[in-house]
């Protein structure tokens, strides 16, 4: 997972815990949104790596 995605997930979890401790539904919601944003960034990073791997594989097979 990318650094930014992991940071968003951690920030989201912290906001959720703080919101739960203080009874602040808005803060809990922000935390859920940040965590989802982090998961999305991680998924995009994984997809980018997979695409690059496929491109590299195709280039290697074409030269043989």
N, C-alpha and C. Protein backbone atom coordinates (compact mmCIF):
# COMPACT_ATOMS: atom_id res chain seq x y z
N UNK A 1 0.85 -1.18 0.00
CA UNK A 1 0.00 0.00 0.00
C UNK A 1 0.89 1.23 0.00
N UNK A 2 0.45 2.29 -0.68
CA UNK A 2 1.19 3.53 -0.75
C UNK A 2 1.17 4.27 0.57
N UNK A 3 2.15 5.16 0.75
CA UNK A 3 2.27 5.90 1.99
C UNK A 3 1.08 6.80 2.27
N UNK A 4 0.60 7.50 1.25
CA UNK A 4 -0.52 8.41 1.46
C UNK A 4 -1.79 7.66 1.82
N UNK A 5 -2.02 6.53 1.18
CA UNK A 5 -3.20 5.74 1.49
C UNK A 5 -3.18 5.24 2.93
N UNK A 6 -2.01 4.78 3.36
CA UNK A 6 -1.88 4.28 4.73
C UNK A 6 -2.08 5.42 5.72
N UNK A 7 -1.56 6.59 5.40
CA UNK A 7 -1.72 7.74 6.30
C UNK A 7 -3.20 8.13 6.43
N UNK A 8 -3.92 8.13 5.32
CA UNK A 8 -5.34 8.46 5.36
C UNK A 8 -6.11 7.45 6.20
N UNK A 9 -5.76 6.17 6.04
CA UNK A 9 -6.44 5.13 6.82
C UNK A 9 -6.18 5.32 8.31
N UNK A 10 -4.93 5.59 8.67
CA UNK A 10 -4.61 5.79 10.09
C UNK A 10 -5.30 7.03 10.64
N UNK A 11 -5.29 8.10 9.85
CA UNK A 11 -5.94 9.33 10.27
C UNK A 11 -7.44 9.10 10.46
N UNK A 12 -8.02 8.33 9.55
CA UNK A 12 -9.44 8.03 9.64
C UNK A 12 -9.79 7.23 10.88
N UNK A 13 -8.96 6.23 11.18
CA UNK A 13 -9.20 5.41 12.38
C UNK A 13 -9.08 6.27 13.64
N UNK A 14 -8.09 7.16 13.66
CA UNK A 14 -7.91 8.03 14.83
C UNK A 14 -9.12 8.96 15.01
N UNK A 15 -9.61 9.52 13.91
CA UNK A 15 -10.78 10.40 13.99
C UNK A 15 -12.01 9.64 14.47
N UNK A 16 -12.16 8.40 13.99
CA UNK A 16 -13.31 7.60 14.42
C UNK A 16 -13.25 7.34 15.92
N UNK A 17 -12.07 6.98 16.42
CA UNK A 17 -11.92 6.70 17.85
C UNK A 17 -12.17 7.96 18.67
N UNK A 18 -11.63 9.09 18.21
CA UNK A 18 -11.83 10.34 18.92
C UNK A 18 -13.31 10.72 18.91
N UNK A 19 -13.95 10.57 17.78
CA UNK A 19 -15.37 10.88 17.67
C UNK A 19 -16.21 9.99 18.56
N UNK A 20 -15.85 8.73 18.65
CA UNK A 20 -16.59 7.80 19.50
C UNK A 20 -16.40 8.17 20.97
N UNK A 21 -15.16 8.52 21.35
CA UNK A 21 -14.87 8.87 22.74
C UNK A 21 -15.60 10.15 23.16
N UNK A 22 -15.73 11.09 22.23
CA UNK A 22 -16.37 12.37 22.55
C UNK A 22 -17.85 12.39 22.20
N UNK A 23 -18.33 11.33 21.57
CA UNK A 23 -19.74 11.32 21.17
C UNK A 23 -20.02 12.25 20.00
N UNK A 24 -19.01 12.48 19.17
CA UNK A 24 -19.13 13.41 18.05
C UNK A 24 -19.36 12.62 16.76
N UNK A 25 -20.60 12.56 16.30
CA UNK A 25 -20.94 11.80 15.09
C UNK A 25 -20.28 12.38 13.85
N UNK A 26 -20.14 13.69 13.79
CA UNK A 26 -19.53 14.33 12.62
C UNK A 26 -18.06 13.89 12.49
N UNK A 27 -17.35 13.87 13.60
CA UNK A 27 -15.95 13.47 13.58
C UNK A 27 -15.82 11.98 13.20
N UNK A 28 -16.72 11.16 13.69
CA UNK A 28 -16.72 9.75 13.31
C UNK A 28 -16.95 9.60 11.81
N UNK A 29 -17.86 10.40 11.28
CA UNK A 29 -18.14 10.36 9.84
C UNK A 29 -16.93 10.79 9.02
N UNK A 30 -16.25 11.83 9.49
CA UNK A 30 -15.03 12.27 8.80
C UNK A 30 -13.98 11.16 8.81
N UNK A 31 -13.91 10.48 9.93
CA UNK A 31 -12.96 9.38 10.04
C UNK A 31 -13.27 8.26 9.06
N UNK A 32 -14.55 7.92 8.95
CA UNK A 32 -14.93 6.88 7.99
C UNK A 32 -14.59 7.31 6.57
N UNK A 33 -14.82 8.59 6.27
CA UNK A 33 -14.52 9.09 4.92
C UNK A 33 -13.01 9.05 4.65
N UNK A 34 -12.21 9.45 5.64
CA UNK A 34 -10.75 9.42 5.46
C UNK A 34 -10.25 7.99 5.28
N UNK A 35 -10.81 7.07 6.05
CA UNK A 35 -10.40 5.67 5.93
C UNK A 35 -10.76 5.12 4.55
N UNK A 36 -11.94 5.45 4.06
CA UNK A 36 -12.35 5.00 2.73
C UNK A 36 -11.45 5.60 1.66
N UNK A 37 -11.07 6.86 1.84
CA UNK A 37 -10.17 7.52 0.89
C UNK A 37 -8.82 6.80 0.87
N UNK A 38 -8.35 6.39 2.04
CA UNK A 38 -7.09 5.67 2.12
C UNK A 38 -7.17 4.32 1.42
N UNK A 39 -8.29 3.62 1.60
CA UNK A 39 -8.46 2.33 0.93
C UNK A 39 -8.49 2.52 -0.58
N UNK A 40 -9.14 3.59 -1.04
CA UNK A 40 -9.22 3.86 -2.48
C UNK A 40 -7.83 4.17 -3.05
N UNK A 41 -7.06 4.96 -2.33
CA UNK A 41 -5.70 5.27 -2.79
C UNK A 41 -4.86 4.00 -2.86
N UNK A 42 -5.02 3.13 -1.88
CA UNK A 42 -4.29 1.86 -1.88
C UNK A 42 -4.68 1.00 -3.07
N UNK A 43 -5.97 0.94 -3.36
CA UNK A 43 -6.45 0.14 -4.49
C UNK A 43 -5.92 0.71 -5.81
N UNK A 44 -5.88 2.02 -5.92
CA UNK A 44 -5.36 2.64 -7.15
C UNK A 44 -3.87 2.34 -7.30
N UNK A 45 -3.14 2.38 -6.20
CA UNK A 45 -1.72 2.06 -6.25
C UNK A 45 -1.49 0.62 -6.68
N UNK A 46 -2.29 -0.29 -6.13
CA UNK A 46 -2.18 -1.70 -6.50
C UNK A 46 -2.50 -1.90 -7.98
N UNK A 47 -3.54 -1.25 -8.45
CA UNK A 47 -3.93 -1.37 -9.86
C UNK A 47 -2.82 -0.82 -10.76
N UNK A 48 -2.22 0.28 -10.35
CA UNK A 48 -1.14 0.88 -11.14
C UNK A 48 0.04 -0.09 -11.22
N UNK A 49 0.38 -0.73 -10.09
CA UNK A 49 1.49 -1.69 -10.09
C UNK A 49 1.17 -2.90 -10.98
N UNK A 50 -0.07 -3.39 -10.92
CA UNK A 50 -0.46 -4.52 -11.75
C UNK A 50 -0.39 -4.17 -13.23
N UNK A 51 -0.84 -2.98 -13.57
CA UNK A 51 -0.78 -2.53 -14.97
C UNK A 51 0.66 -2.44 -15.45
N UNK A 52 1.52 -1.90 -14.59
CA UNK A 52 2.93 -1.78 -14.98
C UNK A 52 3.54 -3.18 -15.17
N UNK A 53 3.18 -4.11 -14.31
CA UNK A 53 3.68 -5.48 -14.45
C UNK A 53 3.22 -6.12 -15.75
N UNK A 54 1.96 -5.89 -16.11
CA UNK A 54 1.46 -6.44 -17.37
C UNK A 54 2.19 -5.82 -18.56
N UNK A 55 2.41 -4.51 -18.50
CA UNK A 55 3.12 -3.84 -19.59
C UNK A 55 4.54 -4.39 -19.73
N UNK A 56 5.20 -4.58 -18.59
CA UNK A 56 6.56 -5.13 -18.62
C UNK A 56 6.57 -6.53 -19.17
N UNK A 57 5.58 -7.34 -18.79
CA UNK A 57 5.50 -8.72 -19.29
C UNK A 57 5.30 -8.74 -20.80
N UNK A 58 4.44 -7.87 -21.28
CA UNK A 58 4.18 -7.83 -22.72
C UNK A 58 5.41 -7.37 -23.49
N UNK A 59 6.13 -6.43 -22.96
CA UNK A 59 7.34 -5.96 -23.62
C UNK A 59 8.38 -7.07 -23.68
N UNK A 60 8.51 -7.82 -22.58
CA UNK A 60 9.49 -8.90 -22.53
C UNK A 60 9.15 -10.02 -23.49
N UNK A 61 7.87 -10.36 -23.62
CA UNK A 61 7.45 -11.44 -24.51
C UNK A 61 7.60 -11.05 -25.96
N UNK A 62 7.43 -9.79 -26.27
CA UNK A 62 7.54 -9.34 -27.65
C UNK A 62 8.95 -9.37 -28.18
N UNK A 63 9.92 -9.28 -27.30
CA UNK A 63 11.32 -9.25 -27.72
C UNK A 63 11.91 -10.63 -27.88
N UNK A 64 11.32 -11.63 -27.30
CA UNK A 64 11.92 -12.98 -27.33
C UNK A 64 11.78 -13.64 -28.68
